Every structure is written in structure tokens, then in C-alpha cells.
Amino acid sequence: MSEQGTTAAKLCRSLNTLRDSNVIGDVRGIGLLWGIEFVAEKSSKLPFAPELKFAERVAQAAAKRGVLVYPVQGCVDGLSGDHLLIAPAAITTEEQILWAVQQLRAAVEETAAHN
């Protein structure tokens, strides 16, 4: 199987489509372990205020849609900075990846709209 056809490569390509969101500052990872960083201001990468618990709220919205992610807060200075960790199973199909990223995008959009 070529590198482009691996589950990890498919996940990378799919998650990188989220970069167009105004609240996503970065998408980075390797293999099947990826992180999505959330920002209040994209140009400066200013983090959301800690009391907004942005990553936690995105994780809750994603869970309601059937996607489980790991929210983390404090990655900038111990208090500020929100991101999600995503670690799907190695047997995840391309169809499942596309569906999960679609659900995650909807969760991010819903959370951003209620900020």
C-alpha cells in the first residue's frame, strides 16, 4: 500500500480541510495521532479565554454527533490555549474518517457560533 493510501494519510488530508475555519489555528500530527488548535483570532493565534472552555465545548458537541475526541486546555501558558486530540483506531475506514471529520466540523461551527 502506498503512503498516500494509508489510513494515516487519509486522516491527515481530511483533517487539513478544517484549516479554513476561522477558529482553527493549526492542525498537526503524525500517523493516527492528531491535534487541532483553536484560536479566538486566527492572524495572531490569540487563544480563547480559559473560562470559555472552547475545546471542552467542541468535544461535547462532537460527542453528541458520535465522535469522541480528547479536549485539552492550557497548552499555551498552563491556563490559556485550547486543542483537541484525535486518535482513531488503525482499522478506521476512509468512509468513517470522512464522516468523523464532517461531524467534527459541524461541532466546531456550532461552538464558534455560540461564542
PDB file of N, CA and C in Angstrom:
ATOM      1  N   MET A   1       0.848  -1.183   0.000  1.00  0.00           N
ATOM      2  CA  MET A   1       0.000   0.000   0.000  1.00  0.00           C
ATOM      3  C   MET A   1       0.890   1.242   0.000  1.00  0.00           C
ATOM      4  N   SER A   2       0.597   2.200  -0.844  1.00  0.00           N
ATOM      5  CA  SER A   2       1.397   3.424  -0.900  1.00  0.00           C
ATOM      6  C   SER A   2       1.106   4.296   0.318  1.00  0.00           C
ATOM      7  N   GLU A   3       2.038   5.183   0.599  1.00  0.00           N
ATOM      8  CA  GLU A   3       1.895   6.108   1.731  1.00  0.00           C
ATOM      9  C   GLU A   3       0.595   6.909   1.608  1.00  0.00           C
ATOM     10  N   GLN A   4       0.245   7.312   0.379  1.00  0.00           N
ATOM     11  CA  GLN A   4      -0.954   8.118   0.163  1.00  0.00           C
ATOM     12  C   GLN A   4      -2.237   7.354   0.460  1.00  0.00           C
ATOM     13  N   GLY A   5      -2.168   6.027   0.427  1.00  0.00           N
ATOM     14  CA  GLY A   5      -3.355   5.225   0.646  1.00  0.00           C
ATOM     15  C   GLY A   5      -3.532   4.741   2.064  1.00  0.00           C
ATOM     16  N   THR A   6      -2.621   5.111   2.964  1.00  0.00           N
ATOM     17  CA  THR A   6      -2.731   4.636   4.338  1.00  0.00           C
ATOM     18  C   THR A   6      -3.857   5.355   5.072  1.00  0.00           C
ATOM     19  N   THR A   7      -4.323   4.729   6.114  1.00  0.00           N
ATOM     20  CA  THR A   7      -5.346   5.348   6.962  1.00  0.00           C
ATOM     21  C   THR A   7      -4.835   6.670   7.507  1.00  0.00           C
ATOM     22  N   ALA A   8      -3.583   6.702   7.921  1.00  0.00           N
ATOM     23  CA  ALA A   8      -2.997   7.932   8.470  1.00  0.00           C
ATOM     24  C   ALA A   8      -2.980   9.045   7.434  1.00  0.00           C
ATOM     25  N   ALA A   9      -2.613   8.736   6.204  1.00  0.00           N
ATOM     26  CA  ALA A   9      -2.572   9.755   5.153  1.00  0.00           C
ATOM     27  C   ALA A   9      -3.973  10.284   4.856  1.00  0.00           C
ATOM     28  N   LYS A  10      -4.948   9.394   4.865  1.00  0.00           N
ATOM     29  CA  LYS A  10      -6.341   9.811   4.630  1.00  0.00           C
ATOM     30  C   LYS A  10      -6.824  10.714   5.763  1.00  0.00           C
ATOM     31  N   LEU A  11      -6.458  10.374   6.992  1.00  0.00           N
ATOM     32  CA  LEU A  11      -6.837  11.206   8.130  1.00  0.00           C
ATOM     33  C   LEU A  11      -6.184  12.577   8.017  1.00  0.00           C
ATOM     34  N   CYS A  12      -4.909  12.606   7.673  1.00  0.00           N
ATOM     35  CA  CYS A  12      -4.185  13.872   7.504  1.00  0.00           C
ATOM     36  C   CYS A  12      -4.876  14.757   6.478  1.00  0.00           C
ATOM     37  N   ARG A  13      -5.149  14.222   5.309  1.00  0.00           N
ATOM     38  CA  ARG A  13      -5.796  15.005   4.252  1.00  0.00           C
ATOM     39  C   ARG A  13      -7.168  15.521   4.698  1.00  0.00           C
ATOM     40  N   SER A  14      -7.920  14.674   5.342  1.00  0.00           N
ATOM     41  CA  SER A  14      -9.264  15.054   5.759  1.00  0.00           C
ATOM     42  C   SER A  14      -9.239  16.135   6.839  1.00  0.00           C
ATOM     43  N   LEU A  15      -8.390  15.958   7.851  1.00  0.00           N
ATOM     44  CA  LEU A  15      -8.309  16.947   8.932  1.00  0.00           C
ATOM     45  C   LEU A  15      -7.796  18.289   8.428  1.00  0.00           C
ATOM     46  N   ASN A  16      -6.902  18.265   7.455  1.00  0.00           N
ATOM     47  CA  ASN A  16      -6.363  19.519   6.941  1.00  0.00           C
ATOM     48  C   ASN A  16      -7.407  20.363   6.235  1.00  0.00           C
ATOM     49  N   THR A  17      -8.543  19.773   5.861  1.00  0.00           N
ATOM     50  CA  THR A  17      -9.622  20.567   5.265  1.00  0.00           C
ATOM     51  C   THR A  17     -10.255  21.498   6.295  1.00  0.00           C
ATOM     52  N   LEU A  18     -10.004  21.240   7.586  1.00  0.00           N
ATOM     53  CA  LEU A  18     -10.564  22.083   8.644  1.00  0.00           C
ATOM     54  C   LEU A  18      -9.824  23.407   8.794  1.00  0.00           C
ATOM     55  N   ARG A  19      -8.659  23.535   8.184  1.00  0.00           N
ATOM     56  CA  ARG A  19      -7.836  24.742   8.326  1.00  0.00           C
ATOM     57  C   ARG A  19      -8.549  26.018   7.877  1.00  0.00           C
ATOM     58  N   ASP A  20      -9.589  25.892   7.066  1.00  0.00           N
ATOM     59  CA  ASP A  20     -10.288  27.083   6.587  1.00  0.00           C
ATOM     60  C   ASP A  20     -11.204  27.708   7.639  1.00  0.00           C
ATOM     61  N   SER A  21     -11.386  27.043   8.756  1.00  0.00           N
ATOM     62  CA  SER A  21     -12.227  27.584   9.831  1.00  0.00           C
ATOM     63  C   SER A  21     -11.536  28.777  10.496  1.00  0.00           C
ATOM     64  N   ASN A  22     -12.313  29.782  10.824  1.00  0.00           N
ATOM     65  CA  ASN A  22     -11.771  30.977  11.483  1.00  0.00           C
ATOM     66  C   ASN A  22     -11.273  30.718  12.893  1.00  0.00           C
ATOM     67  N   VAL A  23     -11.673  29.606  13.500  1.00  0.00           N
ATOM     68  CA  VAL A  23     -11.276  29.331  14.884  1.00  0.00           C
ATOM     69  C   VAL A  23     -10.228  28.225  14.990  1.00  0.00           C
ATOM     70  N   ILE A  24      -9.746  27.741  13.862  1.00  0.00           N
ATOM     71  CA  ILE A  24      -8.693  26.720  13.900  1.00  0.00           C
ATOM     72  C   ILE A  24      -7.371  27.360  13.527  1.00  0.00           C
ATOM     73  N   GLY A  25      -6.457  27.345  14.493  1.00  0.00           N
ATOM     74  CA  GLY A  25      -5.149  27.961  14.289  1.00  0.00           C
ATOM     75  C   GLY A  25      -4.152  27.025  13.664  1.00  0.00           C
ATOM     76  N   ASP A  26      -4.292  25.724  13.921  1.00  0.00           N
ATOM     77  CA  ASP A  26      -3.357  24.761  13.349  1.00  0.00           C
ATOM     78  C   ASP A  26      -3.946  23.362  13.434  1.00  0.00           C
ATOM     79  N   VAL A  27      -3.505  22.528  12.531  1.00  0.00           N
ATOM     80  CA  VAL A  27      -3.816  21.102  12.529  1.00  0.00           C
ATOM     81  C   VAL A  27      -2.476  20.413  12.361  1.00  0.00           C
ATOM     82  N   ARG A  28      -2.112  19.584  13.325  1.00  0.00           N
ATOM     83  CA  ARG A  28      -0.808  18.939  13.223  1.00  0.00           C
ATOM     84  C   ARG A  28      -0.844  17.560  13.864  1.00  0.00           C
ATOM     85  N   GLY A  29       0.031  16.707  13.393  1.00  0.00           N
ATOM     86  CA  GLY A  29       0.098  15.374  13.951  1.00  0.00           C
ATOM     87  C   GLY A  29       0.962  14.460  13.128  1.00  0.00           C
ATOM     88  N   ILE A  30       0.896  13.208  13.483  1.00  0.00           N
ATOM     89  CA  ILE A  30       1.644  12.170  12.779  1.00  0.00           C
ATOM     90  C   ILE A  30       0.875  10.861  12.943  1.00  0.00           C
ATOM     91  N   GLY A  31       0.906  10.063  11.906  1.00  0.00           N
ATOM     92  CA  GLY A  31       0.227   8.773  11.976  1.00  0.00           C
ATOM     93  C   GLY A  31      -1.252   8.949  12.282  1.00  0.00           C
ATOM     94  N   LEU A  32      -1.707   8.296  13.329  1.00  0.00           N
ATOM     95  CA  LEU A  32      -3.110   8.390  13.729  1.00  0.00           C
ATOM     96  C   LEU A  32      -3.297   9.206  15.006  1.00  0.00           C
ATOM     97  N   LEU A  33      -2.330  10.062  15.320  1.00  0.00           N
ATOM     98  CA  LEU A  33      -2.434  10.954  16.473  1.00  0.00           C
ATOM     99  C   LEU A  33      -2.326  12.389  15.974  1.00  0.00           C
ATOM    100  N   TRP A  34      -3.435  13.115  16.084  1.00  0.00           N
ATOM    101  CA  TRP A  34      -3.511  14.468  15.541  1.00  0.00           C
ATOM    102  C   TRP A  34      -4.084  15.435  16.564  1.00  0.00           C
ATOM    103  N   GLY A  35      -3.724  16.696  16.418  1.00  0.00           N
ATOM    104  CA  GLY A  35      -4.243  17.755  17.270  1.00  0.00           C
ATOM    105  C   GLY A  35      -4.801  18.881  16.432  1.00  0.00           C
ATOM    106  N   ILE A  36      -5.839  19.493  16.941  1.00  0.00           N
ATOM    107  CA  ILE A  36      -6.440  20.674  16.317  1.00  0.00           C
ATOM    108  C   ILE A  36      -6.401  21.784  17.347  1.00  0.00           C
ATOM    109  N   GLU A  37      -5.731  22.872  16.994  1.00  0.00           N
ATOM    110  CA  GLU A  37      -5.602  24.021  17.891  1.00  0.00           C
ATOM    111  C   GLU A  37      -6.688  25.041  17.561  1.00  0.00           C
ATOM    112  N   PHE A  38      -7.361  25.531  18.599  1.00  0.00           N
ATOM    113  CA  PHE A  38      -8.404  26.538  18.431  1.00  0.00           C
ATOM    114  C   PHE A  38      -7.886  27.905  18.847  1.00  0.00           C
ATOM    115  N   VAL A  39      -8.283  28.933  18.105  1.00  0.00           N
ATOM    116  CA  VAL A  39      -7.849  30.295  18.395  1.00  0.00           C
ATOM    117  C   VAL A  39      -9.021  31.259  18.273  1.00  0.00           C
ATOM    118  N   ALA A  40      -8.979  32.296  19.093  1.00  0.00           N
ATOM    119  CA  ALA A  40     -10.010  33.333  19.032  1.00  0.00           C
ATOM    120  C   ALA A  40      -9.757  34.269  17.862  1.00  0.00           C
ATOM    121  N   GLU A  41      -8.477  34.442  17.516  1.00  0.00           N
ATOM    122  CA  GLU A  41      -8.084  35.318  16.415  1.00  0.00           C
ATOM    123  C   GLU A  41      -7.036  34.597  15.582  1.00  0.00           C
ATOM    124  N   LYS A  42      -7.394  34.283  14.371  1.00  0.00           N
ATOM    125  CA  LYS A  42      -6.540  33.442  13.529  1.00  0.00           C
ATOM    126  C   LYS A  42      -5.206  34.107  13.174  1.00  0.00           C
ATOM    127  N   SER A  43      -5.207  35.386  12.823  1.00  0.00           N
ATOM    128  CA  SER A  43      -3.981  36.041  12.358  1.00  0.00           C
ATOM    129  C   SER A  43      -2.891  36.094  13.428  1.00  0.00           C
ATOM    130  N   SER A  44      -3.285  36.314  14.676  1.00  0.00           N
ATOM    131  CA  SER A  44      -2.303  36.399  15.763  1.00  0.00           C
ATOM    132  C   SER A  44      -2.210  35.096  16.570  1.00  0.00           C
ATOM    133  N   LYS A  45      -3.129  34.175  16.293  1.00  0.00           N
ATOM    134  CA  LYS A  45      -3.256  32.917  17.045  1.00  0.00           C
ATOM    135  C   LYS A  45      -3.542  33.163  18.526  1.00  0.00           C
ATOM    136  N   LEU A  46      -4.225  34.261  18.803  1.00  0.00           N
ATOM    137  CA  LEU A  46      -4.646  34.582  20.165  1.00  0.00           C
ATOM    138  C   LEU A  46      -5.591  33.494  20.657  1.00  0.00           C
ATOM    139  N   PRO A  47      -5.306  32.905  21.828  1.00  0.00           N
ATOM    140  CA  PRO A  47      -6.172  31.830  22.322  1.00  0.00           C
ATOM    141  C   PRO A  47      -7.485  32.366  22.875  1.00  0.00           C
ATOM    142  N   PHE A  48      -8.449  31.472  22.974  1.00  0.00           N
ATOM    143  CA  PHE A  48      -9.700  31.811  23.634  1.00  0.00           C
ATOM    144  C   PHE A  48      -9.446  32.002  25.124  1.00  0.00           C
ATOM    145  N   ALA A  49     -10.271  32.804  25.764  1.00  0.00           N
ATOM    146  CA  ALA A  49     -10.188  32.975  27.215  1.00  0.00           C
ATOM    147  C   ALA A  49     -10.452  31.624  27.873  1.00  0.00           C
ATOM    148  N   PRO A  50      -9.692  31.271  28.903  1.00  0.00           N
ATOM    149  CA  PRO A  50      -9.837  29.953  29.542  1.00  0.00           C
ATOM    150  C   PRO A  50     -11.256  29.654  30.025  1.00  0.00           C
ATOM    151  N   GLU A  51     -11.948  30.677  30.512  1.00  0.00           N
ATOM    152  CA  GLU A  51     -13.287  30.440  31.057  1.00  0.00           C
ATOM    153  C   GLU A  51     -14.303  30.023  29.987  1.00  0.00           C
ATOM    154  N   LEU A  52     -13.982  30.221  28.712  1.00  0.00           N
ATOM    155  CA  LEU A  52     -14.885  29.791  27.645  1.00  0.00           C
ATOM    156  C   LEU A  52     -14.859  28.282  27.435  1.00  0.00           C
ATOM    157  N   LYS A  53     -13.780  27.634  27.864  1.00  0.00           N
ATOM    158  CA  LYS A  53     -13.640  26.169  27.734  1.00  0.00           C
ATOM    159  C   LYS A  53     -14.014  25.715  26.329  1.00  0.00           C
ATOM    160  N   PHE A  54     -13.404  26.374  25.349  1.00  0.00           N
ATOM    161  CA  PHE A  54     -13.777  26.152  23.960  1.00  0.00           C
ATOM    162  C   PHE A  54     -13.587  24.698  23.535  1.00  0.00           C
ATOM    163  N   ALA A  55     -12.424  24.127  23.795  1.00  0.00           N
ATOM    164  CA  ALA A  55     -12.161  22.743  23.382  1.00  0.00           C
ATOM    165  C   ALA A  55     -13.139  21.771  24.044  1.00  0.00           C
ATOM    166  N   GLU A  56     -13.426  22.001  25.292  1.00  0.00           N
ATOM    167  CA  GLU A  56     -14.371  21.130  26.012  1.00  0.00           C
ATOM    168  C   GLU A  56     -15.754  21.190  25.370  1.00  0.00           C
ATOM    169  N   ARG A  57     -16.168  22.399  24.992  1.00  0.00           N
ATOM    170  CA  ARG A  57     -17.474  22.557  24.367  1.00  0.00           C
ATOM    171  C   ARG A  57     -17.523  21.909  22.979  1.00  0.00           C
ATOM    172  N   VAL A  58     -16.420  22.016  22.228  1.00  0.00           N
ATOM    173  CA  VAL A  58     -16.366  21.344  20.926  1.00  0.00           C
ATOM    174  C   VAL A  58     -16.449  19.831  21.129  1.00  0.00           C
ATOM    175  N   ALA A  59     -15.719  19.319  22.122  1.00  0.00           N
ATOM    176  CA  ALA A  59     -15.732  17.881  22.396  1.00  0.00           C
ATOM    177  C   ALA A  59     -17.139  17.401  22.758  1.00  0.00           C
ATOM    178  N   GLN A  60     -17.866  18.187  23.535  1.00  0.00           N
ATOM    179  CA  GLN A  60     -19.230  17.822  23.897  1.00  0.00           C
ATOM    180  C   GLN A  60     -20.141  17.810  22.665  1.00  0.00           C
ATOM    181  N   ALA A  61     -19.990  18.823  21.808  1.00  0.00           N
ATOM    182  CA  ALA A  61     -20.794  18.888  20.584  1.00  0.00           C
ATOM    183  C   ALA A  61     -20.446  17.737  19.646  1.00  0.00           C
ATOM    184  N   ALA A  62     -19.173  17.364  19.587  1.00  0.00           N
ATOM    185  CA  ALA A  62     -18.743  16.239  18.753  1.00  0.00           C
ATOM    186  C   ALA A  62     -19.301  14.923  19.300  1.00  0.00           C
ATOM    187  N   ALA A  63     -19.271  14.765  20.617  1.00  0.00           N
ATOM    188  CA  ALA A  63     -19.781  13.541  21.240  1.00  0.00           C
ATOM    189  C   ALA A  63     -21.274  13.355  20.945  1.00  0.00           C
ATOM    190  N   LYS A  64     -22.021  14.449  20.935  1.00  0.00           N
ATOM    191  CA  LYS A  64     -23.452  14.364  20.608  1.00  0.00           C
ATOM    192  C   LYS A  64     -23.669  13.863  19.185  1.00  0.00           C
ATOM    193  N   ARG A  65     -22.632  14.055  18.350  1.00  0.00           N
ATOM    194  CA  ARG A  65     -22.700  13.616  16.955  1.00  0.00           C
ATOM    195  C   ARG A  65     -22.054  12.241  16.763  1.00  0.00           C
ATOM    196  N   GLY A  66     -21.569  11.649  17.857  1.00  0.00           N
ATOM    197  CA  GLY A  66     -20.983  10.315  17.773  1.00  0.00           C
ATOM    198  C   GLY A  66     -19.490  10.253  17.587  1.00  0.00           C
ATOM    199  N   VAL A  67     -18.794  11.390  17.743  1.00  0.00           N
ATOM    200  CA  VAL A  67     -17.342  11.429  17.568  1.00  0.00           C
ATOM    201  C   VAL A  67     -16.695  11.748  18.915  1.00  0.00           C
ATOM    202  N   LEU A  68     -15.811  10.870  19.360  1.00  0.00           N
ATOM    203  CA  LEU A  68     -15.121  11.076  20.627  1.00  0.00           C
ATOM    204  C   LEU A  68     -13.722  11.624  20.376  1.00  0.00           C
ATOM    205  N   VAL A  69     -13.416  12.744  21.024  1.00  0.00           N
ATOM    206  CA  VAL A  69     -12.104  13.388  20.942  1.00  0.00           C
ATOM    207  C   VAL A  69     -11.659  13.728  22.357  1.00  0.00           C
ATOM    208  N   TYR A  70     -10.419  14.113  22.488  1.00  0.00           N
ATOM    209  CA  TYR A  70      -9.861  14.424  23.804  1.00  0.00           C
ATOM    210  C   TYR A  70      -9.599  15.922  23.898  1.00  0.00           C
ATOM    211  N   PRO A  71     -10.399  16.690  24.664  1.00  0.00           N
ATOM    212  CA  PRO A  71     -10.162  18.125  24.786  1.00  0.00           C
ATOM    213  C   PRO A  71      -9.027  18.407  25.774  1.00  0.00           C
ATOM    214  N   VAL A  72      -8.227  19.415  25.456  1.00  0.00           N
ATOM    215  CA  VAL A  72      -7.116  19.819  26.317  1.00  0.00           C
ATOM    216  C   VAL A  72      -7.111  21.340  26.388  1.00  0.00           C
ATOM    217  N   GLN A  73      -6.906  21.856  27.589  1.00  0.00           N
ATOM    218  CA  GLN A  73      -6.837  23.300  27.779  1.00  0.00           C
ATOM    219  C   GLN A  73      -5.545  23.631  28.513  1.00  0.00           C
ATOM    220  N   GLY A  74      -4.990  24.804  28.224  1.00  0.00           N
ATOM    221  CA  GLY A  74      -3.798  25.259  28.919  1.00  0.00           C
ATOM    222  C   GLY A  74      -2.508  25.022  28.164  1.00  0.00           C
ATOM    223  N   CYS A  75      -2.605  24.726  26.882  1.00  0.00           N
ATOM    224  CA  CYS A  75      -1.410  24.382  26.112  1.00  0.00           C
ATOM    225  C   CYS A  75      -0.535  25.583  25.758  1.00  0.00           C
ATOM    226  N   VAL A  76      -1.009  26.797  25.981  1.00  0.00           N
ATOM    227  CA  VAL A  76      -0.200  27.982  25.692  1.00  0.00           C
ATOM    228  C   VAL A  76       0.627  28.382  26.906  1.00  0.00           C
ATOM    229  N   ASP A  77      -0.034  28.517  28.064  1.00  0.00           N
ATOM    230  CA  ASP A  77       0.673  29.011  29.246  1.00  0.00           C
ATOM    231  C   ASP A  77       0.264  28.300  30.545  1.00  0.00           C
ATOM    232  N   GLY A  78      -0.372  27.173  30.405  1.00  0.00           N
ATOM    233  CA  GLY A  78      -0.850  26.455  31.576  1.00  0.00           C
ATOM    234  C   GLY A  78      -2.307  26.746  31.892  1.00  0.00           C
ATOM    235  N   LEU A  79      -2.837  27.848  31.383  1.00  0.00           N
ATOM    236  CA  LEU A  79      -4.246  28.214  31.562  1.00  0.00           C
ATOM    237  C   LEU A  79      -4.953  28.399  30.224  1.00  0.00           C
ATOM    238  N   SER A  80      -4.351  29.188  29.346  1.00  0.00           N
ATOM    239  CA  SER A  80      -4.945  29.508  28.048  1.00  0.00           C
ATOM    240  C   SER A  80      -4.492  28.519  26.988  1.00  0.00           C
ATOM    241  N   GLY A  81      -5.301  28.425  25.958  1.00  0.00           N
ATOM    242  CA  GLY A  81      -4.967  27.572  24.828  1.00  0.00           C
ATOM    243  C   GLY A  81      -5.828  26.333  24.819  1.00  0.00           C
ATOM    244  N   ASP A  82      -6.520  26.136  23.721  1.00  0.00           N
ATOM    245  CA  ASP A  82      -7.437  25.007  23.580  1.00  0.00           C
ATOM    246  C   ASP A  82      -7.055  24.176  22.373  1.00  0.00           C
ATOM    247  N   HIS A  83      -7.085  22.866  22.541  1.00  0.00           N
ATOM    248  CA  HIS A  83      -6.937  21.977  21.396  1.00  0.00           C
ATOM    249  C   HIS A  83      -7.616  20.648  21.674  1.00  0.00           C
ATOM    250  N   LEU A  84      -7.808  19.897  20.603  1.00  0.00           N
ATOM    251  CA  LEU A  84      -8.372  18.551  20.697  1.00  0.00           C
ATOM    252  C   LEU A  84      -7.345  17.560  20.200  1.00  0.00           C
ATOM    253  N   LEU A  85      -7.314  16.414  20.819  1.00  0.00           N
ATOM    254  CA  LEU A  85      -6.523  15.297  20.309  1.00  0.00           C
ATOM    255  C   LEU A  85      -7.480  14.319  19.650  1.00  0.00           C
ATOM    256  N   ILE A  86      -7.043  13.790  18.518  1.00  0.00           N
ATOM    257  CA  ILE A  86      -7.836  12.832  17.763  1.00  0.00           C
ATOM    258  C   ILE A  86      -6.953  11.612  17.536  1.00  0.00           C
ATOM    259  N   ALA A  87      -7.464  10.447  17.883  1.00  0.00           N
ATOM    260  CA  ALA A  87      -6.684   9.214  17.742  1.00  0.00           C
ATOM    261  C   ALA A  87      -7.601   8.053  17.368  1.00  0.00           C
ATOM    262  N   PRO A  88      -7.962   7.950  16.084  1.00  0.00           N
ATOM    263  CA  PRO A  88      -8.854   6.865  15.678  1.00  0.00           C
ATOM    264  C   PRO A  88      -8.139   5.511  15.656  1.00  0.00           C
ATOM    265  N   ALA A  89      -8.912   4.477  15.629  1.00  0.00           N
ATOM    266  CA  ALA A  89      -8.366   3.117  15.557  1.00  0.00           C
ATOM    267  C   ALA A  89      -7.686   2.889  14.209  1.00  0.00           C
ATOM    268  N   ALA A  90      -6.687   2.030  14.209  1.00  0.00           N
ATOM    269  CA  ALA A  90      -5.944   1.730  12.985  1.00  0.00           C
ATOM    270  C   ALA A  90      -6.815   1.087  11.913  1.00  0.00           C
ATOM    271  N   ILE A  91      -7.923   0.510  12.302  1.00  0.00           N
ATOM    272  CA  ILE A  91      -8.802  -0.161  11.336  1.00  0.00           C
ATOM    273  C   ILE A  91      -9.910   0.757  10.807  1.00  0.00           C
ATOM    274  N   THR A  92      -9.826   2.038  11.113  1.00  0.00           N
ATOM    275  CA  THR A  92     -10.820   3.000  10.657  1.00  0.00           C
ATOM    276  C   THR A  92     -10.808   3.078   9.132  1.00  0.00           C
ATOM    277  N   THR A  93     -11.978   3.109   8.541  1.00  0.00           N
ATOM    278  CA  THR A  93     -12.087   3.174   7.079  1.00  0.00           C
ATOM    279  C   THR A  93     -12.081   4.627   6.609  1.00  0.00           C
ATOM    280  N   GLU A  94     -11.840   4.802   5.318  1.00  0.00           N
ATOM    281  CA  GLU A  94     -11.871   6.151   4.749  1.00  0.00           C
ATOM    282  C   GLU A  94     -13.260   6.769   4.921  1.00  0.00           C
ATOM    283  N   GLU A  95     -14.288   5.982   4.732  1.00  0.00           N
ATOM    284  CA  GLU A  95     -15.662   6.474   4.907  1.00  0.00           C
ATOM    285  C   GLU A  95     -15.877   6.970   6.339  1.00  0.00           C
ATOM    286  N   GLN A  96     -15.384   6.232   7.319  1.00  0.00           N
ATOM    287  CA  GLN A  96     -15.507   6.638   8.721  1.00  0.00           C
ATOM    288  C   GLN A  96     -14.724   7.917   9.006  1.00  0.00           C
ATOM    289  N   ILE A  97     -13.548   8.039   8.415  1.00  0.00           N
ATOM    290  CA  ILE A  97     -12.743   9.251   8.591  1.00  0.00           C
ATOM    291  C   ILE A  97     -13.489  10.460   8.046  1.00  0.00           C
ATOM    292  N   LEU A  98     -13.996  10.339   6.833  1.00  0.00           N
ATOM    293  CA  LEU A  98     -14.719  11.457   6.216  1.00  0.00           C
ATOM    294  C   LEU A  98     -15.939  11.846   7.039  1.00  0.00           C
ATOM    295  N   TRP A  99     -16.670  10.849   7.510  1.00  0.00           N
ATOM    296  CA  TRP A  99     -17.842  11.121   8.340  1.00  0.00           C
ATOM    297  C   TRP A  99     -17.440  11.820   9.640  1.00  0.00           C
ATOM    298  N   ALA A 100     -16.407  11.307  10.308  1.00  0.00           N
ATOM    299  CA  ALA A 100     -15.977  11.876  11.589  1.00  0.00           C
ATOM    300  C   ALA A 100     -15.511  13.316  11.434  1.00  0.00           C
ATOM    301  N   VAL A 101     -14.777  13.602  10.382  1.00  0.00           N
ATOM    302  CA  VAL A 101     -14.295  14.978  10.175  1.00  0.00           C
ATOM    303  C   VAL A 101     -15.465  15.894   9.834  1.00  0.00           C
ATOM    304  N   GLN A 102     -16.436  15.392   9.111  1.00  0.00           N
ATOM    305  CA  GLN A 102     -17.645  16.180   8.827  1.00  0.00           C
ATOM    306  C   GLN A 102     -18.379  16.511  10.132  1.00  0.00           C
ATOM    307  N   GLN A 103     -18.503  15.541  11.010  1.00  0.00           N
ATOM    308  CA  GLN A 103     -19.166  15.760  12.298  1.00  0.00           C
ATOM    309  C   GLN A 103     -18.354  16.727  13.166  1.00  0.00           C
ATOM    310  N   LEU A 104     -17.047  16.590  13.119  1.00  0.00           N
ATOM    311  CA  LEU A 104     -16.177  17.482  13.886  1.00  0.00           C
ATOM    312  C   LEU A 104     -16.289  18.909  13.384  1.00  0.00           C
ATOM    313  N   ARG A 105     -16.330  19.081  12.069  1.00  0.00           N
ATOM    314  CA  ARG A 105     -16.504  20.427  11.502  1.00  0.00           C
ATOM    315  C   ARG A 105     -17.815  21.037  11.998  1.00  0.00           C
ATOM    316  N   ALA A 106     -18.879  20.268  11.992  1.00  0.00           N
ATOM    317  CA  ALA A 106     -20.175  20.766  12.463  1.00  0.00           C
ATOM    318  C   ALA A 106     -20.105  21.133  13.939  1.00  0.00           C
ATOM    319  N   ALA A 107     -19.391  20.350  14.731  1.00  0.00           N
ATOM    320  CA  ALA A 107     -19.248  20.646  16.164  1.00  0.00           C
ATOM    321  C   ALA A 107     -18.467  21.935  16.386  1.00  0.00           C
ATOM    322  N   VAL A 108     -17.420  22.137  15.606  1.00  0.00           N
ATOM    323  CA  VAL A 108     -16.620  23.366  15.709  1.00  0.00           C
ATOM    324  C   VAL A 108     -17.467  24.565  15.311  1.00  0.00           C
ATOM    325  N   GLU A 109     -18.182  24.457  14.215  1.00  0.00           N
ATOM    326  CA  GLU A 109     -19.015  25.556  13.741  1.00  0.00           C
ATOM    327  C   GLU A 109     -20.107  25.901  14.746  1.00  0.00           C
ATOM    328  N   GLU A 110     -20.729  24.878  15.318  1.00  0.00           N
ATOM    329  CA  GLU A 110     -21.780  25.113  16.318  1.00  0.00           C
ATOM    330  C   GLU A 110     -21.199  25.842  17.532  1.00  0.00           C
ATOM    331  N   THR A 111     -20.065  25.392  18.000  1.00  0.00           N
ATOM    332  CA  THR A 111     -19.436  26.003  19.180  1.00  0.00           C
ATOM    333  C   THR A 111     -19.011  27.439  18.880  1.00  0.00           C
ATOM    334  N   ALA A 112     -18.422  27.669  17.728  1.00  0.00           N
ATOM    335  CA  ALA A 112     -17.980  29.017  17.363  1.00  0.00           C
ATOM    336  C   ALA A 112     -19.157  29.972  17.248  1.00  0.00           C
ATOM    337  N   ALA A 113     -20.285  29.470  16.763  1.00  0.00           N
ATOM    338  CA  ALA A 113     -21.477  30.311  16.593  1.00  0.00           C
ATOM    339  C   ALA A 113     -22.059  30.752  17.937  1.00  0.00           C
ATOM    340  N   HIS A 114     -21.783  29.998  19.001  1.00  0.00           N
ATOM    341  CA  HIS A 114     -22.302  30.323  20.335  1.00  0.00           C
ATOM    342  C   HIS A 114     -21.258  30.953  21.232  1.00  0.00           C
ATOM    343  N   ASN A 115     -20.302  31.607  20.643  1.00  0.00           N
ATOM    344  CA  ASN A 115     -19.252  32.270  21.420  1.00  0.00           C
ATOM    345  C   ASN A 115     -19.574  33.712  21.666  1.00  0.00           C
TER     346      ASN A 115
END
